Amino acid sequence: MNFKELGLSNQMLEAISYMGFEQPTPVQELAIPSILAGNDLIGCAQTGTGKTAAFVLPVLDNLTKDHKHETSVLIIVPTRELAIQIDQAIQGFTYFTPVDSIAVYGGGGGSDWDSEKRALTSGANIIVATPGRLISHLNMGYVKFDSVVHLILDEADRMLDIGFYDDIIKIIKFLPKKRQTLMFSATMPQKIRQLASKILTKPKEINIEISKPPEGVLQAAYLVYDTQKTALISSLIENKPEITSVLIFSSTKLKVNDIVRDLRKTEKNIQGISSAFDQNKREEVLSDYRAKKTRILVATDVLSRGIDIKDIDIVINYDVPTDAEDYVHRVGRTARAKATGVALTLVNENDMYKLKRIEDFIETPIMKIPLPPALGEGPSWNPVYISLSDKNFKGKFRKRSGKKKPYNIKRDKRT
């Protein structure tokens, strides 16, 4: 199938050609005709499947056919990075059209607030916003959303994980009841369906390979002690100029600086990024990484969703993510758009049960690679260990003689 068969206008087909798109992805094939038909929609698709274009293209098609100088589209996203990414995609597709857009997000200076206010009051056609920042503007009383006909929630599961449920409901109260609502999410837990039942009307539903790493990713794990991690990473990338882009994920922003400091002893072309950085600094770091000025980027999960950086050679999980969904999104940063890539996870003796839980979730065993001999031996594979402090552990307990005792739990001497 080609884009012309999806029912898009000649103007949008020209924009698609200009952007270098050749064939629609599966999520685009399913979503675009349904959105053009005016249906509310729940779209479930993993990162890297082209879902941004799946909702941007049909909405722009509608705006270009009957262009008015008013705010017609509101796109709500969980992070400033995703807001910037979607706004940039819109600007590319609308280069030859009168449609305008703006990204509204926190973390900038006073000039950003002023430009956002001007766009919100003068009626920019498309607003791409994070919930908290948008509510700050709404509370000032000058934002008018009476003409909004398309509401889009992207990365909806992430927004609920962060705690934006009440904010989303509050924002929706400012919108017309008669509108088209589109919800896109990488996963479809019950809380997403509950939100959908409140804000969507008879939605169509599409599902594209829910919560699985891209097929082009070679996944592997090293069993290591924490003291071996830095040396292992150095051995993997040192003297390998063909590896031009490495993304290392840390589970905490406090550890980002430590990893950067340790790796800088052997690799000078490295930077870190986390939510502790102000917006200008984050954009500068990302710009350097995209331009290949920075070879290694160490990041927290702020980059695991909503950042479109192409040609990442290797993703390294310095820590095993507690949430299996976070693993899928981290791994999805490589092998974008049907490319290939490598995802490596460093697993210490206490995190093996997390890796086993990830394997169960993705229904695929992850290859365990021996350490280079120079680093010595790492721990032996033993995923039985259960951390009783793990917030995701939900053991069942029964009362016996007034005491609660766990059952059906395999344990070893470390518990």
Protein backbone atom coordinates (compact mmCIF):
# COMPACT_ATOMS: atom_id res chain seq x y z
CA MET A 1 0.00 0.00 0.00
CA ASN A 2 1.16 3.56 -0.69
CA PHE A 3 0.18 6.87 0.90
CA LYS A 4 -2.07 7.82 -2.02
CA GLU A 5 -4.25 4.78 -1.34
CA LEU A 6 -4.82 5.98 2.24
CA GLY A 7 -6.96 8.90 1.00
CA LEU A 8 -4.62 11.79 1.72
CA SER A 9 -4.84 14.98 -0.37
CA ASN A 10 -2.36 15.85 -3.11
CA GLN A 11 -0.92 18.62 -0.91
CA MET A 12 -0.14 16.16 1.87
CA LEU A 13 1.25 13.62 -0.61
CA GLU A 14 3.65 16.31 -1.82
CA ALA A 15 4.71 17.05 1.76
CA ILE A 16 5.24 13.33 2.40
CA SER A 17 7.42 13.05 -0.68
CA TYR A 18 9.40 16.12 0.40
CA MET A 19 10.05 14.50 3.79
CA GLY A 20 11.37 11.37 2.10
CA PHE A 21 8.61 8.98 3.18
CA GLU A 22 8.08 6.17 0.69
CA GLN A 23 5.66 3.62 2.13
CA PRO A 24 3.36 3.81 5.16
CA THR A 25 4.16 1.73 8.20
CA PRO A 26 1.51 -0.71 9.52
CA VAL A 27 0.26 1.74 12.16
CA GLN A 28 -0.06 4.44 9.48
CA GLU A 29 -1.96 2.11 7.15
CA LEU A 30 -4.50 1.35 9.89
CA ALA A 31 -4.74 4.74 11.60
CA ILE A 32 -4.79 7.27 8.75
CA PRO A 33 -8.00 6.11 6.99
CA SER A 34 -9.83 5.80 10.30
CA ILE A 35 -8.79 9.30 11.42
CA LEU A 36 -9.71 10.77 8.02
CA ALA A 37 -13.15 9.15 8.46
CA GLY A 38 -13.62 11.14 11.68
CA ASN A 39 -13.45 8.26 14.15
CA ASP A 40 -12.15 8.50 17.67
CA LEU A 41 -9.20 6.12 17.94
CA ILE A 42 -7.11 4.15 20.41
CA GLY A 43 -3.77 3.27 18.84
CA CYS A 44 -1.43 0.86 20.57
CA ALA A 45 2.01 0.78 18.98
CA GLN A 46 5.56 0.59 20.27
CA THR A 47 8.13 3.31 19.81
CA GLY A 48 9.73 3.60 16.39
CA THR A 49 6.70 2.38 14.40
CA GLY A 50 5.82 5.76 12.87
CA LYS A 51 2.85 6.63 15.04
CA THR A 52 3.66 10.36 15.06
CA ALA A 53 3.03 10.57 11.32
CA ALA A 54 0.02 8.27 11.79
CA PHE A 55 -1.87 11.03 13.59
CA VAL A 56 -0.10 14.14 12.26
CA LEU A 57 -0.73 13.44 8.55
CA PRO A 58 -4.53 13.00 8.62
CA VAL A 59 -5.01 15.93 11.01
CA LEU A 60 -2.90 18.18 8.77
CA ASP A 61 -4.85 16.95 5.77
CA ASN A 62 -8.00 18.25 7.43
CA LEU A 63 -6.43 21.60 8.36
CA THR A 64 -5.01 22.31 4.90
CA LYS A 65 -8.35 21.68 3.20
CA ASP A 66 -10.12 24.32 5.26
CA HIS A 67 -7.46 26.50 6.84
CA LYS A 68 -8.51 29.01 9.49
CA HIS A 69 -6.40 31.14 11.78
CA GLU A 70 -7.47 29.46 15.01
CA THR A 71 -6.34 26.69 17.30
CA SER A 72 -7.81 23.50 15.86
CA VAL A 73 -5.50 20.80 17.23
CA LEU A 74 -4.23 20.12 20.74
CA ILE A 75 -1.59 17.41 21.22
CA ILE A 76 -0.75 16.49 24.82
CA VAL A 77 2.50 14.64 25.58
CA PRO A 78 4.35 13.63 28.76
CA THR A 79 7.76 15.27 28.16
CA ARG A 80 9.25 18.42 26.67
CA GLU A 81 11.50 16.28 24.46
CA LEU A 82 8.52 14.60 22.85
CA ALA A 83 6.77 17.96 22.45
CA ILE A 84 9.79 19.33 20.58
CA GLN A 85 10.08 16.21 18.43
CA ILE A 86 6.42 16.27 17.34
CA ASP A 87 6.53 20.01 16.70
CA GLN A 88 9.58 19.55 14.49
CA ALA A 89 7.81 16.80 12.54
CA ILE A 90 4.79 19.06 12.05
CA GLN A 91 6.99 21.88 10.81
CA GLY A 92 8.51 19.54 8.25
CA PHE A 93 5.13 18.39 6.93
CA THR A 94 3.69 21.92 6.86
CA TYR A 95 6.64 23.64 5.18
CA PHE A 96 4.57 24.49 2.08
CA THR A 97 1.30 25.17 3.92
CA PRO A 98 -0.07 28.06 6.01
CA VAL A 99 -0.50 25.79 9.07
CA ASP A 100 1.53 26.87 12.11
CA SER A 101 2.36 25.14 15.39
CA ILE A 102 4.19 25.66 18.67
CA ALA A 103 5.55 23.41 21.41
CA VAL A 104 4.49 24.48 24.91
CA TYR A 105 6.60 23.02 27.71
CA GLY A 106 8.30 23.99 30.95
CA GLY A 107 11.95 24.40 31.77
CA GLY A 108 12.71 27.42 29.59
CA GLY A 109 13.06 31.11 30.38
CA GLY A 110 10.65 34.02 30.47
CA SER A 111 10.92 34.61 26.73
CA ASP A 112 9.57 31.11 26.11
CA TRP A 113 6.54 31.88 28.26
CA ASP A 114 5.88 35.09 26.33
CA SER A 115 6.10 33.38 22.93
CA GLU A 116 3.82 30.59 24.14
CA LYS A 117 1.31 33.16 25.41
CA ARG A 118 1.30 34.96 22.05
CA ALA A 119 0.70 31.68 20.21
CA LEU A 120 -2.06 30.61 22.59
CA THR A 121 -3.86 33.94 22.35
CA SER A 122 -3.39 34.54 18.61
CA GLY A 123 -4.54 31.04 17.74
CA ALA A 124 -1.65 28.89 16.49
CA ASN A 125 -3.25 26.07 14.52
CA ILE A 126 -1.56 23.27 16.46
CA ILE A 127 -0.50 23.30 20.10
CA VAL A 128 1.83 20.52 21.28
CA ALA A 129 2.02 20.74 25.07
CA THR A 130 3.02 19.06 28.28
CA PRO A 131 0.16 19.01 30.81
CA GLY A 132 1.74 21.04 33.61
CA ARG A 133 2.87 23.92 31.41
CA LEU A 134 -0.44 24.06 29.56
CA ILE A 135 -2.41 24.21 32.81
CA SER A 136 -0.24 27.11 33.96
CA HIS A 137 -1.37 29.03 30.87
CA LEU A 138 -4.99 27.91 31.23
CA ASN A 139 -5.05 29.17 34.81
CA MET A 140 -4.18 32.67 33.54
CA GLY A 141 -7.52 32.83 31.70
CA TYR A 142 -6.38 33.95 28.24
CA VAL A 143 -6.31 30.56 26.47
CA LYS A 144 -9.31 29.85 24.25
CA PHE A 145 -9.83 26.33 22.96
CA ASP A 146 -13.37 26.81 21.63
CA SER A 147 -12.31 25.88 18.09
CA VAL A 148 -10.35 22.70 18.90
CA VAL A 149 -11.63 19.84 16.74
CA HIS A 150 -8.79 17.33 17.28
CA LEU A 151 -7.44 16.24 20.68
CA ILE A 152 -4.47 13.86 20.61
CA LEU A 153 -2.87 12.18 23.60
CA ASP A 154 0.51 10.64 22.75
CA GLU A 155 2.41 8.28 25.08
CA ALA A 156 -0.75 8.15 27.19
CA ASP A 157 0.52 5.31 29.36
CA ARG A 158 3.60 7.32 30.26
CA MET A 159 1.50 10.34 31.20
CA LEU A 160 -0.54 8.25 33.61
CA ASP A 161 2.62 6.66 35.05
CA ILE A 162 4.00 10.14 35.76
CA GLY A 163 0.74 11.13 37.45
CA PHE A 164 -0.91 13.40 34.86
CA TYR A 165 -4.38 11.82 35.02
CA ASP A 166 -6.01 14.69 36.91
CA ASP A 167 -4.23 17.26 34.72
CA ILE A 168 -5.54 15.60 31.56
CA ILE A 169 -9.09 15.60 32.88
CA LYS A 170 -8.75 19.27 33.84
CA ILE A 171 -7.47 20.24 30.39
CA ILE A 172 -10.28 18.38 28.66
CA LYS A 173 -12.83 20.49 30.53
CA PHE A 174 -11.59 23.50 28.52
CA LEU A 175 -12.28 21.75 25.20
CA PRO A 176 -15.48 21.45 23.16
CA LYS A 177 -17.40 18.23 23.80
CA LYS A 178 -17.82 17.73 20.08
CA ARG A 179 -14.34 16.85 18.83
CA GLN A 180 -12.27 13.98 17.52
CA THR A 181 -10.10 12.38 20.21
CA LEU A 182 -7.11 10.18 19.42
CA MET A 183 -5.15 8.28 22.05
CA PHE A 184 -1.81 6.63 21.29
CA SER A 185 0.04 4.45 23.77
CA ALA A 186 2.81 1.87 23.75
CA THR A 187 0.87 -0.29 26.19
CA MET A 188 -2.79 -0.70 27.01
CA PRO A 189 -3.20 -1.33 30.76
CA GLN A 190 -6.58 -1.10 32.42
CA LYS A 191 -6.05 2.48 33.57
CA ILE A 192 -5.64 3.57 29.92
CA ARG A 193 -8.92 1.88 29.01
CA GLN A 194 -10.62 3.61 31.93
CA LEU A 195 -9.39 6.99 30.70
CA ALA A 196 -10.42 6.14 27.15
CA SER A 197 -13.95 5.29 28.29
CA LYS A 198 -14.25 8.78 29.78
CA ILE A 199 -12.92 10.91 26.94
CA LEU A 200 -13.46 8.93 23.70
CA THR A 201 -16.70 8.19 21.86
CA LYS A 202 -17.12 4.77 20.24
CA PRO A 203 -13.41 4.60 19.40
CA LYS A 204 -11.89 2.34 16.80
CA GLU A 205 -8.90 0.39 18.08
CA ILE A 206 -5.66 -0.66 16.44
CA ASN A 207 -2.85 -2.74 17.93
CA ILE A 208 0.63 -3.04 16.48
CA GLU A 209 3.12 -5.41 18.17
CA ILE A 210 2.51 -4.33 21.74
CA SER A 211 5.53 -4.03 24.01
CA LYS A 212 8.14 -5.98 22.09
CA PRO A 213 11.64 -4.78 21.14
CA PRO A 214 12.14 -4.10 17.41
CA GLU A 215 13.09 -7.20 15.44
CA GLY A 216 16.32 -5.57 14.27
CA VAL A 217 17.76 -5.36 17.80
CA LEU A 218 20.37 -7.89 18.88
CA GLN A 219 19.76 -8.24 22.62
CA ALA A 220 22.39 -9.57 25.00
CA ALA A 221 23.38 -9.36 28.65
CA TYR A 222 26.63 -9.47 30.61
CA LEU A 223 26.61 -10.84 34.17
CA VAL A 224 28.91 -8.46 36.03
CA TYR A 225 29.76 -7.10 39.42
CA ASP A 226 29.29 -3.34 39.73
CA THR A 227 33.04 -2.85 39.94
CA GLN A 228 33.42 -4.41 36.46
CA LYS A 229 30.85 -2.31 34.60
CA THR A 230 32.98 0.67 33.57
CA ALA A 231 35.88 -1.51 32.44
CA LEU A 232 33.48 -3.67 30.42
CA ILE A 233 31.97 -0.69 28.60
CA SER A 234 35.41 0.67 27.82
CA SER A 235 36.52 -2.69 26.41
CA LEU A 236 33.44 -2.86 24.18
CA ILE A 237 33.87 0.53 22.51
CA GLU A 238 37.55 1.39 22.86
CA ASN A 239 39.51 1.46 19.57
CA LYS A 240 36.34 0.79 17.57
CA PRO A 241 35.86 3.88 15.37
CA GLU A 242 33.03 2.18 13.48
CA ILE A 243 30.90 2.59 16.63
CA THR A 244 29.93 6.26 16.34
CA SER A 245 26.85 6.48 18.57
CA VAL A 246 26.42 4.88 22.00
CA LEU A 247 23.53 5.54 24.40
CA ILE A 248 23.97 4.44 28.01
CA PHE A 249 20.96 4.36 30.34
CA SER A 250 21.28 4.87 34.08
CA SER A 251 18.35 4.27 36.41
CA THR A 252 19.07 7.42 38.44
CA LYS A 253 20.15 10.93 37.52
CA LEU A 254 22.58 10.94 40.45
CA LYS A 255 24.56 8.13 38.81
CA VAL A 256 24.79 9.84 35.39
CA ASN A 257 27.66 12.11 36.46
CA ASP A 258 29.51 9.18 38.07
CA ILE A 259 29.31 7.11 34.87
CA VAL A 260 30.46 10.04 32.74
CA ARG A 261 33.37 10.75 35.09
CA ASP A 262 34.53 7.11 35.12
CA LEU A 263 34.25 6.59 31.36
CA ARG A 264 35.94 9.91 30.56
CA LYS A 265 39.23 8.36 31.68
CA THR A 266 39.27 6.39 28.42
CA GLU A 267 36.66 8.18 26.28
CA LYS A 268 36.76 11.98 26.02
CA ASN A 269 33.83 12.36 23.60
CA ILE A 270 31.10 11.75 26.19
CA GLN A 271 28.30 13.77 27.80
CA GLY A 272 25.50 13.16 30.26
CA ILE A 273 21.89 14.33 30.32
CA SER A 274 19.06 14.11 32.86
CA SER A 275 16.07 16.01 34.21
CA ALA A 276 18.50 17.93 36.43
CA PHE A 277 19.66 19.88 33.36
CA ASP A 278 17.84 23.04 32.30
CA GLN A 279 16.10 22.97 28.94
CA ASN A 280 18.75 24.92 27.02
CA LYS A 281 21.49 22.60 28.24
CA ARG A 282 19.47 19.50 27.38
CA GLU A 283 18.80 20.74 23.86
CA GLU A 284 22.48 21.58 23.41
CA VAL A 285 23.56 18.10 24.54
CA LEU A 286 21.00 16.39 22.29
CA SER A 287 22.00 18.55 19.33
CA ASP A 288 25.65 17.53 19.75
CA TYR A 289 24.66 13.87 20.00
CA ARG A 290 22.45 13.96 16.91
CA ALA A 291 25.25 15.68 14.96
CA LYS A 292 27.71 12.96 16.06
CA LYS A 293 29.81 15.55 17.90
CA THR A 294 29.24 13.44 21.00
CA ARG A 295 29.98 9.75 20.66
CA ILE A 296 28.61 8.53 24.01
CA LEU A 297 25.55 9.91 25.78
CA VAL A 298 24.68 8.82 29.31
CA ALA A 299 21.03 9.40 30.13
CA THR A 300 18.18 8.62 32.46
CA ASP A 301 14.82 7.35 31.24
CA VAL A 302 13.97 10.89 30.14
CA LEU A 303 15.35 9.67 26.78
CA SER A 304 13.72 6.23 26.72
CA ARG A 305 10.56 7.60 25.12
CA GLY A 306 9.80 10.31 22.66
CA ILE A 307 13.29 11.06 21.39
CA ASP A 308 13.88 10.37 17.72
CA ILE A 309 17.63 9.96 17.32
CA LYS A 310 18.57 7.90 14.31
CA ASP A 311 21.54 5.58 13.79
CA ILE A 312 22.30 4.71 17.42
CA ASP A 313 24.73 1.78 17.19
CA ILE A 314 24.53 0.47 20.74
CA VAL A 315 22.17 0.97 23.68
CA ILE A 316 23.68 -0.08 27.01
CA ASN A 317 21.60 -0.54 30.14
CA TYR A 318 24.11 0.28 32.86
CA ASP A 319 21.40 -0.79 35.31
CA VAL A 320 18.63 -3.29 34.67
CA PRO A 321 15.38 -1.28 34.59
CA THR A 322 12.90 -2.30 37.25
CA ASP A 323 9.98 -1.90 34.87
CA ALA A 324 9.99 -4.28 31.91
CA GLU A 325 8.19 -1.61 29.86
CA ASP A 326 11.13 0.75 30.42
CA TYR A 327 13.43 -1.93 29.03
CA VAL A 328 11.36 -2.11 25.82
CA HIS A 329 11.48 1.66 25.39
CA ARG A 330 15.20 1.90 26.14
CA VAL A 331 15.96 -0.85 23.62
CA GLY A 332 13.67 0.85 21.11
CA ARG A 333 16.10 3.77 20.82
CA THR A 334 18.23 1.62 18.50
CA ALA A 335 17.06 -0.20 15.35
CA ARG A 336 14.69 2.66 14.54
CA ALA A 337 12.63 2.49 11.37
CA LYS A 338 13.56 -1.12 10.48
CA ALA A 339 17.30 -0.54 10.98
CA THR A 340 19.48 -2.85 13.06
CA GLY A 341 21.18 -2.22 16.38
CA VAL A 342 22.60 -3.75 19.54
CA ALA A 343 21.19 -3.55 23.07
CA LEU A 344 23.37 -4.71 25.96
CA THR A 345 22.31 -5.00 29.60
CA LEU A 346 24.76 -5.13 32.50
CA VAL A 347 23.34 -7.39 35.20
CA ASN A 348 24.79 -7.57 38.70
CA GLU A 349 24.11 -10.39 41.16
CA ASN A 350 21.12 -8.60 42.70
CA ASP A 351 19.35 -7.70 39.45
CA MET A 352 19.09 -11.10 37.79
CA TYR A 353 15.46 -11.51 38.81
CA LYS A 354 14.69 -8.22 37.00
CA LEU A 355 16.22 -9.55 33.79
CA LYS A 356 14.24 -12.78 34.15
CA ARG A 357 11.08 -10.72 34.56
CA ILE A 358 11.95 -8.80 31.37
CA GLU A 359 12.51 -12.09 29.51
CA ASP A 360 9.10 -13.32 30.65
CA PHE A 361 7.52 -10.05 29.58
CA ILE A 362 9.00 -9.99 26.05
CA GLU A 363 8.63 -13.77 25.77
CA THR A 364 12.22 -14.09 24.58
CA PRO A 365 15.37 -15.28 26.37
CA ILE A 366 18.18 -12.72 26.32
CA MET A 367 21.59 -14.13 25.37
CA LYS A 368 24.16 -14.13 28.20
CA ILE A 369 27.66 -13.24 26.94
CA PRO A 370 30.82 -14.23 28.89
CA LEU A 371 32.99 -11.39 30.14
CA PRO A 372 36.32 -10.69 28.46
CA PRO A 373 38.97 -12.82 30.26
CA ALA A 374 40.90 -9.70 31.33
CA LEU A 375 38.00 -8.62 33.54
CA GLY A 376 37.85 -11.87 35.50
CA GLU A 377 34.70 -13.85 36.21
CA GLY A 378 31.33 -12.30 36.92
CA PRO A 379 28.48 -13.73 39.01
CA SER A 380 26.75 -16.94 37.94
CA TRP A 381 23.25 -16.75 36.44
CA ASN A 382 20.76 -17.20 39.26
CA PRO A 383 17.46 -15.39 38.61
CA VAL A 384 15.69 -17.01 41.59
CA TYR A 385 16.64 -14.25 44.03
CA ILE A 386 13.70 -12.03 44.94
CA SER A 387 14.24 -8.65 46.55
CA LEU A 388 11.58 -8.21 49.23
CA SER A 389 12.10 -4.45 48.95
CA ASP A 390 11.25 -4.43 45.22
CA LYS A 391 8.17 -2.24 44.86
CA ASN A 392 6.90 -4.39 41.99
CA PHE A 393 7.05 -7.60 44.05
CA LYS A 394 3.56 -8.68 44.95
CA GLY A 395 3.95 -11.80 47.11
CA LYS A 396 0.83 -13.33 48.60
CA PHE A 397 0.67 -13.95 52.31
CA ARG A 398 -1.49 -16.16 54.54
CA LYS A 399 -1.94 -16.00 58.27
CA ARG A 400 -0.62 -18.84 60.40
CA SER A 401 -0.66 -18.62 64.19
CA GLY A 402 -1.06 -14.88 64.01
CA LYS A 403 1.92 -14.41 61.66
CA LYS A 404 2.07 -13.64 57.96
CA LYS A 405 4.23 -16.06 56.01
CA PRO A 406 5.02 -16.01 52.31
CA TYR A 407 4.32 -19.06 50.20
CA ASN A 408 4.98 -20.15 46.63
CA ILE A 409 8.23 -18.15 46.59
CA LYS A 410 11.54 -19.73 45.61
CA ARG A 411 14.20 -18.32 47.86
CA ASP A 412 17.92 -18.71 48.40
CA LYS A 413 20.16 -17.79 51.30
CA ARG A 414 20.44 -14.14 50.23
CA THR A 415 16.76 -13.26 50.87
